[in-house]
C-alpha cells in the first residue's frame, strides 16, 4: 500500500465518507485519489456504495466483510441525505 492509500485508510478510520471529503482530508489530486480508492476496493480493504451521483466509501470492517452497525447507519444516513438533496434540486 502506497502513502496515498495509507492516508485514505487512515481518513476512513473516522467513518464512511464521500469522495470529496476523502480528497480534502488527504489533500491530493482527484485522479490520484480515485485510482488509490479503486485499488483499495479491488484489494477488499474499502467498500463503496453509489447513491445518485455520489459514492460513499468506508472500510471493510474487520476484514471479513463485517461492518459495524454504527458505520452502516452512517452509510444509510448519507444515502438518505443525498437522495433528499438531489430531490430538492430537481423540484
PDB file of N, CA and C in Angstrom:
ATOM      1  N   UNK A   1       0.849  -1.173   0.000  1.00  0.00           N
ATOM      2  CA  UNK A   1       0.000   0.000   0.000  1.00  0.00           C
ATOM      3  C   UNK A   1       0.893   1.234   0.000  1.00  0.00           C
ATOM      4  N   UNK A   2       0.656   2.126  -0.977  1.00  0.00           N
ATOM      5  CA  UNK A   2       1.475   3.331  -1.060  1.00  0.00           C
ATOM      6  C   UNK A   2       1.029   4.369  -0.024  1.00  0.00           C
ATOM      7  N   UNK A   3       1.741   5.491   0.021  1.00  0.00           N
ATOM      8  CA  UNK A   3       1.461   6.519   1.020  1.00  0.00           C
ATOM      9  C   UNK A   3       0.066   7.105   0.913  1.00  0.00           C
ATOM     10  N   UNK A   4      -0.401   7.352  -0.323  1.00  0.00           N
ATOM     11  CA  UNK A   4      -1.730   7.917  -0.507  1.00  0.00           C
ATOM     12  C   UNK A   4      -2.802   6.934  -0.049  1.00  0.00           C
ATOM     13  N   UNK A   5      -2.656   5.673  -0.407  1.00  0.00           N
ATOM     14  CA  UNK A   5      -3.619   4.654   0.015  1.00  0.00           C
ATOM     15  C   UNK A   5      -3.660   4.565   1.543  1.00  0.00           C
ATOM     16  N   UNK A   6      -2.508   4.644   2.172  1.00  0.00           N
ATOM     17  CA  UNK A   6      -2.434   4.604   3.643  1.00  0.00           C
ATOM     18  C   UNK A   6      -3.172   5.793   4.249  1.00  0.00           C
ATOM     19  N   UNK A   7      -2.986   6.994   3.665  1.00  0.00           N
ATOM     20  CA  UNK A   7      -3.666   8.189   4.163  1.00  0.00           C
ATOM     21  C   UNK A   7      -5.183   8.068   3.990  1.00  0.00           C
ATOM     22  N   UNK A   8      -5.605   7.441   2.897  1.00  0.00           N
ATOM     23  CA  UNK A   8      -7.034   7.232   2.674  1.00  0.00           C
ATOM     24  C   UNK A   8      -7.604   6.291   3.734  1.00  0.00           C
ATOM     25  N   UNK A   9      -6.897   5.199   3.994  1.00  0.00           N
ATOM     26  CA  UNK A   9      -7.350   4.256   5.019  1.00  0.00           C
ATOM     27  C   UNK A   9      -7.400   4.945   6.376  1.00  0.00           C
ATOM     28  N   UNK A  10      -6.393   5.745   6.689  1.00  0.00           N
ATOM     29  CA  UNK A  10      -6.395   6.481   7.961  1.00  0.00           C
ATOM     30  C   UNK A  10      -7.595   7.427   8.045  1.00  0.00           C
ATOM     31  N   UNK A  11      -7.914   8.103   6.945  1.00  0.00           N
ATOM     32  CA  UNK A  11      -9.069   9.005   6.930  1.00  0.00           C
ATOM     33  C   UNK A  11     -10.359   8.223   7.135  1.00  0.00           C
ATOM     34  N   UNK A  12     -10.479   7.072   6.472  1.00  0.00           N
ATOM     35  CA  UNK A  12     -11.697   6.272   6.575  1.00  0.00           C
ATOM     36  C   UNK A  12     -11.844   5.588   7.932  1.00  0.00           C
ATOM     37  N   UNK A  13     -10.782   5.567   8.716  1.00  0.00           N
ATOM     38  CA  UNK A  13     -10.888   5.053  10.082  1.00  0.00           C
ATOM     39  C   UNK A  13     -11.845   5.902  10.908  1.00  0.00           C
ATOM     40  N   UNK A  14     -12.103   7.130  10.476  1.00  0.00           N
ATOM     41  CA  UNK A  14     -13.032   8.024  11.180  1.00  0.00           C
ATOM     42  C   UNK A  14     -14.483   7.693  10.865  1.00  0.00           C
ATOM     43  N   UNK A  15     -14.710   6.909   9.794  1.00  0.00           N
ATOM     44  CA  UNK A  15     -16.068   6.541   9.407  1.00  0.00           C
ATOM     45  C   UNK A  15     -16.280   6.745   7.920  1.00  0.00           C
ATOM     46  N   UNK A  16     -17.445   6.372   7.425  1.00  0.00           N
ATOM     47  CA  UNK A  16     -17.758   6.494   5.997  1.00  0.00           C
ATOM     48  C   UNK A  16     -17.661   7.943   5.526  1.00  0.00           C
ATOM     49  N   UNK A  17     -17.202   8.114   4.285  1.00  0.00           N
ATOM     50  CA  UNK A  17     -17.039   9.456   3.737  1.00  0.00           C
ATOM     51  C   UNK A  17     -17.387   9.469   2.257  1.00  0.00           C
ATOM     52  N   UNK A  18     -17.747  10.651   1.800  1.00  0.00           N
ATOM     53  CA  UNK A  18     -17.930  10.888   0.380  1.00  0.00           C
ATOM     54  C   UNK A  18     -16.572  11.117  -0.262  1.00  0.00           C
ATOM     55  N   UNK A  19     -16.504  10.940  -1.581  1.00  0.00           N
ATOM     56  CA  UNK A  19     -15.235  11.120  -2.290  1.00  0.00           C
ATOM     57  C   UNK A  19     -14.618  12.492  -2.001  1.00  0.00           C
ATOM     58  N   UNK A  20     -15.428  13.543  -2.065  1.00  0.00           N
ATOM     59  CA  UNK A  20     -14.914  14.890  -1.831  1.00  0.00           C
ATOM     60  C   UNK A  20     -14.320  15.065  -0.441  1.00  0.00           C
ATOM     61  N   UNK A  21     -14.927  14.428   0.536  1.00  0.00           N
ATOM     62  CA  UNK A  21     -14.402  14.501   1.902  1.00  0.00           C
ATOM     63  C   UNK A  21     -13.048  13.805   2.002  1.00  0.00           C
ATOM     64  N   UNK A  22     -12.946  12.648   1.358  1.00  0.00           N
ATOM     65  CA  UNK A  22     -11.677  11.910   1.373  1.00  0.00           C
ATOM     66  C   UNK A  22     -10.590  12.741   0.707  1.00  0.00           C
ATOM     67  N   UNK A  23     -10.904  13.280  -0.473  1.00  0.00           N
ATOM     68  CA  UNK A  23      -9.932  14.066  -1.227  1.00  0.00           C
ATOM     69  C   UNK A  23      -9.447  15.259  -0.402  1.00  0.00           C
ATOM     70  N   UNK A  24     -10.368  15.929   0.278  1.00  0.00           N
ATOM     71  CA  UNK A  24      -9.987  17.079   1.098  1.00  0.00           C
ATOM     72  C   UNK A  24      -9.100  16.660   2.274  1.00  0.00           C
ATOM     73  N   UNK A  25      -9.384  15.519   2.876  1.00  0.00           N
ATOM     74  CA  UNK A  25      -8.601  15.068   4.038  1.00  0.00           C
ATOM     75  C   UNK A  25      -7.189  14.623   3.659  1.00  0.00           C
ATOM     76  N   UNK A  26      -7.050  13.999   2.488  1.00  0.00           N
ATOM     77  CA  UNK A  26      -5.719  13.504   2.105  1.00  0.00           C
ATOM     78  C   UNK A  26      -4.957  14.516   1.261  1.00  0.00           C
ATOM     79  N   UNK A  27      -5.636  15.593   0.836  1.00  0.00           N
ATOM     80  CA  UNK A  27      -5.023  16.686   0.094  1.00  0.00           C
ATOM     81  C   UNK A  27      -4.220  16.182  -1.106  1.00  0.00           C
ATOM     82  N   UNK A  28      -4.928  15.537  -2.033  1.00  0.00           N
ATOM     83  CA  UNK A  28      -4.281  15.021  -3.242  1.00  0.00           C
ATOM     84  C   UNK A  28      -5.181  15.285  -4.445  1.00  0.00           C
ATOM     85  N   UNK A  29      -4.608  15.135  -5.622  1.00  0.00           N
ATOM     86  CA  UNK A  29      -5.354  15.341  -6.861  1.00  0.00           C
ATOM     87  C   UNK A  29      -6.489  14.324  -6.979  1.00  0.00           C
ATOM     88  N   UNK A  30      -7.640  14.738  -7.513  1.00  0.00           N
ATOM     89  CA  UNK A  30      -8.775  13.818  -7.639  1.00  0.00           C
ATOM     90  C   UNK A  30      -8.449  12.521  -8.379  1.00  0.00           C
ATOM     91  N   UNK A  31      -7.676  12.608  -9.462  1.00  0.00           N
ATOM     92  CA  UNK A  31      -7.341  11.399 -10.229  1.00  0.00           C
ATOM     93  C   UNK A  31      -6.539  10.418  -9.378  1.00  0.00           C
ATOM     94  N   UNK A  32      -5.575  10.912  -8.629  1.00  0.00           N
ATOM     95  CA  UNK A  32      -4.749  10.047  -7.787  1.00  0.00           C
ATOM     96  C   UNK A  32      -5.583   9.402  -6.683  1.00  0.00           C
ATOM     97  N   UNK A  33      -6.493  10.177  -6.078  1.00  0.00           N
ATOM     98  CA  UNK A  33      -7.354   9.640  -5.028  1.00  0.00           C
ATOM     99  C   UNK A  33      -8.275   8.570  -5.608  1.00  0.00           C
ATOM    100  N   UNK A  34      -8.841   8.856  -6.786  1.00  0.00           N
ATOM    101  CA  UNK A  34      -9.739   7.896  -7.433  1.00  0.00           C
ATOM    102  C   UNK A  34      -9.010   6.579  -7.718  1.00  0.00           C
ATOM    103  N   UNK A  35      -7.783   6.661  -8.244  1.00  0.00           N
ATOM    104  CA  UNK A  35      -7.000   5.458  -8.541  1.00  0.00           C
ATOM    105  C   UNK A  35      -6.663   4.680  -7.274  1.00  0.00           C
ATOM    106  N   UNK A  36      -6.278   5.390  -6.214  1.00  0.00           N
ATOM    107  CA  UNK A  36      -5.956   4.722  -4.951  1.00  0.00           C
ATOM    108  C   UNK A  36      -7.197   4.057  -4.364  1.00  0.00           C
ATOM    109  N   UNK A  37      -8.345   4.725  -4.438  1.00  0.00           N
ATOM    110  CA  UNK A  37      -9.584   4.127  -3.937  1.00  0.00           C
ATOM    111  C   UNK A  37      -9.951   2.883  -4.731  1.00  0.00           C
ATOM    112  N   UNK A  38      -9.797   2.940  -6.056  1.00  0.00           N
ATOM    113  CA  UNK A  38     -10.092   1.767  -6.890  1.00  0.00           C
ATOM    114  C   UNK A  38      -9.208   0.585  -6.479  1.00  0.00           C
ATOM    115  N   UNK A  39      -7.940   0.866  -6.226  1.00  0.00           N
ATOM    116  CA  UNK A  39      -7.012  -0.183  -5.796  1.00  0.00           C
ATOM    117  C   UNK A  39      -7.436  -0.766  -4.445  1.00  0.00           C
ATOM    118  N   UNK A  40      -7.835   0.094  -3.518  1.00  0.00           N
ATOM    119  CA  UNK A  40      -8.264  -0.362  -2.196  1.00  0.00           C
ATOM    120  C   UNK A  40      -9.563  -1.158  -2.276  1.00  0.00           C
ATOM    121  N   UNK A  41     -10.461  -0.763  -3.171  1.00  0.00           N
ATOM    122  CA  UNK A  41     -11.707  -1.510  -3.361  1.00  0.00           C
ATOM    123  C   UNK A  41     -11.391  -2.888  -3.938  1.00  0.00           C
ATOM    124  N   UNK A  42     -10.529  -2.935  -4.965  1.00  0.00           N
ATOM    125  CA  UNK A  42     -10.142  -4.227  -5.573  1.00  0.00           C
ATOM    126  C   UNK A  42      -9.470  -5.141  -4.550  1.00  0.00           C
ATOM    127  N   UNK A  43      -8.685  -4.553  -3.655  1.00  0.00           N
ATOM    128  CA  UNK A  43      -7.985  -5.337  -2.633  1.00  0.00           C
ATOM    129  C   UNK A  43      -8.937  -5.783  -1.517  1.00  0.00           C
ATOM    130  N   UNK A  44     -10.127  -5.223  -1.479  1.00  0.00           N
ATOM    131  CA  UNK A  44     -11.099  -5.613  -0.462  1.00  0.00           C
ATOM    132  C   UNK A  44     -10.967  -4.882   0.858  1.00  0.00           C
ATOM    133  N   UNK A  45     -10.144  -3.837   0.894  1.00  0.00           N
ATOM    134  CA  UNK A  45      -9.971  -3.081   2.141  1.00  0.00           C
ATOM    135  C   UNK A  45     -11.039  -2.015   2.324  1.00  0.00           C
ATOM    136  N   UNK A  46     -11.564  -1.529   1.214  1.00  0.00           N
ATOM    137  CA  UNK A  46     -12.554  -0.455   1.247  1.00  0.00           C
ATOM    138  C   UNK A  46     -13.790  -0.908   0.485  1.00  0.00           C
ATOM    139  N   UNK A  47     -14.940  -0.542   0.998  1.00  0.00           N
ATOM    140  CA  UNK A  47     -16.222  -0.805   0.319  1.00  0.00           C
ATOM    141  C   UNK A  47     -16.755   0.528  -0.182  1.00  0.00           C
ATOM    142  N   UNK A  48     -17.646   0.453  -1.163  1.00  0.00           N
ATOM    143  CA  UNK A  48     -18.268   1.674  -1.647  1.00  0.00           C
ATOM    144  C   UNK A  48     -19.703   1.388  -2.059  1.00  0.00           C
ATOM    145  N   UNK A  49     -20.480   2.456  -2.071  1.00  0.00           N
ATOM    146  CA  UNK A  49     -21.879   2.354  -2.478  1.00  0.00           C
ATOM    147  C   UNK A  49     -22.238   3.629  -3.219  1.00  0.00           C
ATOM    148  N   UNK A  50     -22.902   3.463  -4.324  1.00  0.00           N
ATOM    149  CA  UNK A  50     -23.315   4.623  -5.111  1.00  0.00           C
ATOM    150  C   UNK A  50     -24.687   5.085  -4.652  1.00  0.00           C
ATOM    151  N   UNK A  51     -24.817   6.379  -4.521  1.00  0.00           N
ATOM    152  CA  UNK A  51     -26.089   6.985  -4.168  1.00  0.00           C
ATOM    153  C   UNK A  51     -26.286   8.169  -5.110  1.00  0.00           C
ATOM    154  N   UNK A  52     -27.118   7.977  -6.126  1.00  0.00           N
ATOM    155  CA  UNK A  52     -27.279   9.031  -7.128  1.00  0.00           C
ATOM    156  C   UNK A  52     -25.973   9.244  -7.851  1.00  0.00           C
ATOM    157  N   UNK A  53     -25.477  10.451  -7.819  1.00  0.00           N
ATOM    158  CA  UNK A  53     -24.197  10.723  -8.483  1.00  0.00           C
ATOM    159  C   UNK A  53     -23.009  10.695  -7.522  1.00  0.00           C
ATOM    160  N   UNK A  54     -23.258  10.317  -6.275  1.00  0.00           N
ATOM    161  CA  UNK A  54     -22.216  10.299  -5.255  1.00  0.00           C
ATOM    162  C   UNK A  54     -21.767   8.877  -4.937  1.00  0.00           C
ATOM    163  N   UNK A  55     -20.530   8.746  -4.487  1.00  0.00           N
ATOM    164  CA  UNK A  55     -20.012   7.480  -3.964  1.00  0.00           C
ATOM    165  C   UNK A  55     -19.737   7.664  -2.483  1.00  0.00           C
ATOM    166  N   UNK A  56     -20.123   6.675  -1.692  1.00  0.00           N
ATOM    167  CA  UNK A  56     -19.820   6.646  -0.267  1.00  0.00           C
ATOM    168  C   UNK A  56     -18.804   5.525  -0.062  1.00  0.00           C
ATOM    169  N   UNK A  57     -17.721   5.817   0.624  1.00  0.00           N
ATOM    170  CA  UNK A  57     -16.659   4.836   0.880  1.00  0.00           C
ATOM    171  C   UNK A  57     -16.547   4.584   2.370  1.00  0.00           C
ATOM    172  N   UNK A  58     -16.210   3.353   2.726  1.00  0.00           N
ATOM    173  CA  UNK A  58     -15.970   3.006   4.126  1.00  0.00           C
ATOM    174  C   UNK A  58     -15.029   1.806   4.168  1.00  0.00           C
ATOM    175  N   UNK A  59     -14.397   1.612   5.320  1.00  0.00           N
ATOM    176  CA  UNK A  59     -13.506   0.468   5.497  1.00  0.00           C
ATOM    177  C   UNK A  59     -14.323  -0.806   5.605  1.00  0.00           C
ATOM    178  N   UNK A  60     -13.712  -1.907   5.220  1.00  0.00           N
ATOM    179  CA  UNK A  60     -14.415  -3.195   5.205  1.00  0.00           C
ATOM    180  C   UNK A  60     -14.437  -3.819   6.593  1.00  0.00           C
ATOM    181  N   UNK A  61     -14.751  -3.043   7.591  1.00  0.00           N
ATOM    182  CA  UNK A  61     -14.904  -3.571   8.946  1.00  0.00           C
ATOM    183  C   UNK A  61     -13.675  -4.304   9.433  1.00  0.00           C
ATOM    184  N   UNK A  62     -13.874  -5.549   9.813  1.00  0.00           N
ATOM    185  CA  UNK A  62     -12.789  -6.339  10.386  1.00  0.00           C
ATOM    186  C   UNK A  62     -12.013  -7.135   9.335  1.00  0.00           C
ATOM    187  N   UNK A  63     -12.212  -6.849   8.062  1.00  0.00           N
ATOM    188  CA  UNK A  63     -11.511  -7.573   7.015  1.00  0.00           C
ATOM    189  C   UNK A  63     -12.262  -8.786   6.513  1.00  0.00           C
ATOM    190  N   UNK A  64     -13.370  -9.117   7.161  1.00  0.00           N
ATOM    191  CA  UNK A  64     -14.171 -10.265   6.754  1.00  0.00           C
ATOM    192  C   UNK A  64     -15.541  -9.836   6.250  1.00  0.00           C
ATOM    193  N   UNK A  65     -15.690  -8.544   5.981  1.00  0.00           N
ATOM    194  CA  UNK A  65     -16.955  -8.041   5.485  1.00  0.00           C
ATOM    195  C   UNK A  65     -17.945  -7.677   6.564  1.00  0.00           C
ATOM    196  N   UNK A  66     -17.530  -7.746   7.829  1.00  0.00           N
ATOM    197  CA  UNK A  66     -18.422  -7.385   8.929  1.00  0.00           C
ATOM    198  C   UNK A  66     -18.299  -5.893   9.192  1.00  0.00           C
ATOM    199  N   UNK A  67     -19.327  -5.180   8.876  1.00  0.00           N
ATOM    200  CA  UNK A  67     -19.355  -3.748   9.072  1.00  0.00           C
ATOM    201  C   UNK A  67     -20.033  -3.459  10.405  1.00  0.00           C
ATOM    202  N   UNK A  68     -19.486  -2.538  11.155  1.00  0.00           N
ATOM    203  CA  UNK A  68     -20.103  -2.231  12.448  1.00  0.00           C
ATOM    204  C   UNK A  68     -21.457  -1.581  12.218  1.00  0.00           C
ATOM    205  N   UNK A  69     -22.408  -1.818  13.095  1.00  0.00           N
ATOM    206  CA  UNK A  69     -23.732  -1.193  12.945  1.00  0.00           C
ATOM    207  C   UNK A  69     -23.664   0.335  12.872  1.00  0.00           C
ATOM    208  N   UNK A  70     -22.753   0.935  13.603  1.00  0.00           N
ATOM    209  CA  UNK A  70     -22.624   2.394  13.580  1.00  0.00           C
ATOM    210  C   UNK A  70     -22.185   2.876  12.200  1.00  0.00           C
ATOM    211  N   UNK A  71     -21.226   2.181  11.585  1.00  0.00           N
ATOM    212  CA  UNK A  71     -20.793   2.558  10.242  1.00  0.00           C
ATOM    213  C   UNK A  71     -21.913   2.353   9.231  1.00  0.00           C
ATOM    214  N   UNK A  72     -22.652   1.257   9.352  1.00  0.00           N
ATOM    215  CA  UNK A  72     -23.745   1.015   8.409  1.00  0.00           C
ATOM    216  C   UNK A  72     -24.821   2.088   8.542  1.00  0.00           C
ATOM    217  N   UNK A  73     -25.126   2.509   9.773  1.00  0.00           N
ATOM    218  CA  UNK A  73     -26.095   3.583   9.966  1.00  0.00           C
ATOM    219  C   UNK A  73     -25.615   4.873   9.326  1.00  0.00           C
ATOM    220  N   UNK A  74     -24.312   5.140   9.397  1.00  0.00           N
ATOM    221  CA  UNK A  74     -23.753   6.332   8.770  1.00  0.00           C
ATOM    222  C   UNK A  74     -23.904   6.258   7.256  1.00  0.00           C
ATOM    223  N   UNK A  75     -23.625   5.111   6.671  1.00  0.00           N
ATOM    224  CA  UNK A  75     -23.775   4.935   5.218  1.00  0.00           C
ATOM    225  C   UNK A  75     -25.226   5.161   4.821  1.00  0.00           C
ATOM    226  N   UNK A  76     -26.149   4.559   5.545  1.00  0.00           N
ATOM    227  CA  UNK A  76     -27.571   4.729   5.243  1.00  0.00           C
ATOM    228  C   UNK A  76     -27.999   6.192   5.405  1.00  0.00           C
ATOM    229  N   UNK A  77     -27.511   6.839   6.444  1.00  0.00           N
ATOM    230  CA  UNK A  77     -27.847   8.243   6.664  1.00  0.00           C
ATOM    231  C   UNK A  77     -27.326   9.137   5.554  1.00  0.00           C
ATOM    232  N   UNK A  78     -26.098   8.902   5.106  1.00  0.00           N
ATOM    233  CA  UNK A  78     -25.550   9.679   3.994  1.00  0.00           C
ATOM    234  C   UNK A  78     -26.359   9.452   2.725  1.00  0.00           C
ATOM    235  N   UNK A  79     -26.795   8.218   2.492  1.00  0.00           N
ATOM    236  CA  UNK A  79     -27.588   7.908   1.307  1.00  0.00           C
ATOM    237  C   UNK A  79     -28.906   8.681   1.335  1.00  0.00           C
ATOM    238  N   UNK A  80     -29.594   8.665   2.454  1.00  0.00           N
ATOM    239  CA  UNK A  80     -30.868   9.375   2.578  1.00  0.00           C
ATOM    240  C   UNK A  80     -30.646  10.870   2.378  1.00  0.00           C
ATOM    241  N   UNK A  81     -29.623  11.422   2.978  1.00  0.00           N
ATOM    242  CA  UNK A  81     -29.319  12.841   2.841  1.00  0.00           C
ATOM    243  C   UNK A  81     -29.075  13.203   1.381  1.00  0.00           C
ATOM    244  N   UNK A  82     -28.333  12.376   0.673  1.00  0.00           N
ATOM    245  CA  UNK A  82     -28.039  12.660  -0.732  1.00  0.00           C
ATOM    246  C   UNK A  82     -29.290  12.571  -1.591  1.00  0.00           C
ATOM    247  N   UNK A  83     -30.136  11.597  -1.332  1.00  0.00           N
ATOM    248  CA  UNK A  83     -31.379  11.461  -2.095  1.00  0.00           C
ATOM    249  C   UNK A  83     -32.250  12.695  -1.885  1.00  0.00           C
ATOM    250  N   UNK A  84     -32.384  13.150  -0.647  1.00  0.00           N
ATOM    251  CA  UNK A  84     -33.177  14.341  -0.362  1.00  0.00           C
ATOM    252  C   UNK A  84     -32.583  15.577  -1.035  1.00  0.00           C
ATOM    253  N   UNK A  85     -31.260  15.694  -1.021  1.00  0.00           N
ATOM    254  CA  UNK A  85     -30.609  16.826  -1.654  1.00  0.00           C
ATOM    255  C   UNK A  85     -30.859  16.830  -3.167  1.00  0.00           C
ATOM    256  N   UNK A  86     -30.738  15.667  -3.804  1.00  0.00           N
ATOM    257  CA  UNK A  86     -30.989  15.582  -5.236  1.00  0.00           C
ATOM    258  C   UNK A  86     -32.437  15.880  -5.553  1.00  0.00           C
ATOM    259  N   UNK A  87     -33.364  15.385  -4.736  1.00  0.00           N
ATOM    260  CA  UNK A  87     -34.786  15.618  -4.967  1.00  0.00           C
ATOM    261  C   UNK A  87     -35.102  17.118  -4.866  1.00  0.00           C
ATOM    262  N   UNK A  88     -34.490  17.804  -3.930  1.00  0.00           N
ATOM    263  CA  UNK A  88     -34.761  19.236  -3.785  1.00  0.00           C
ATOM    264  C   UNK A  88     -34.215  20.018  -4.968  1.00  0.00           C
ATOM    265  N   UNK A  89     -33.127  19.573  -5.555  1.00  0.00           N
ATOM    266  CA  UNK A  89     -32.569  20.248  -6.735  1.00  0.00           C
ATOM    267  C   UNK A  89     -33.439  20.017  -7.960  1.00  0.00           C
ATOM    268  N   UNK A  90     -34.049  18.842  -8.062  1.00  0.00           N
ATOM    269  CA  UNK A  90     -34.868  18.511  -9.221  1.00  0.00           C
ATOM    270  C   UNK A  90     -36.242  19.167  -9.195  1.00  0.00           C
ATOM    271  N   UNK A  91     -36.701  19.557  -8.000  1.00  0.00           N
ATOM    272  CA  UNK A  91     -38.044  20.145  -7.928  1.00  0.00           C
ATOM    273  C   UNK A  91     -38.044  21.637  -8.078  1.00  0.00           C
TER     274      UNK A  91
END
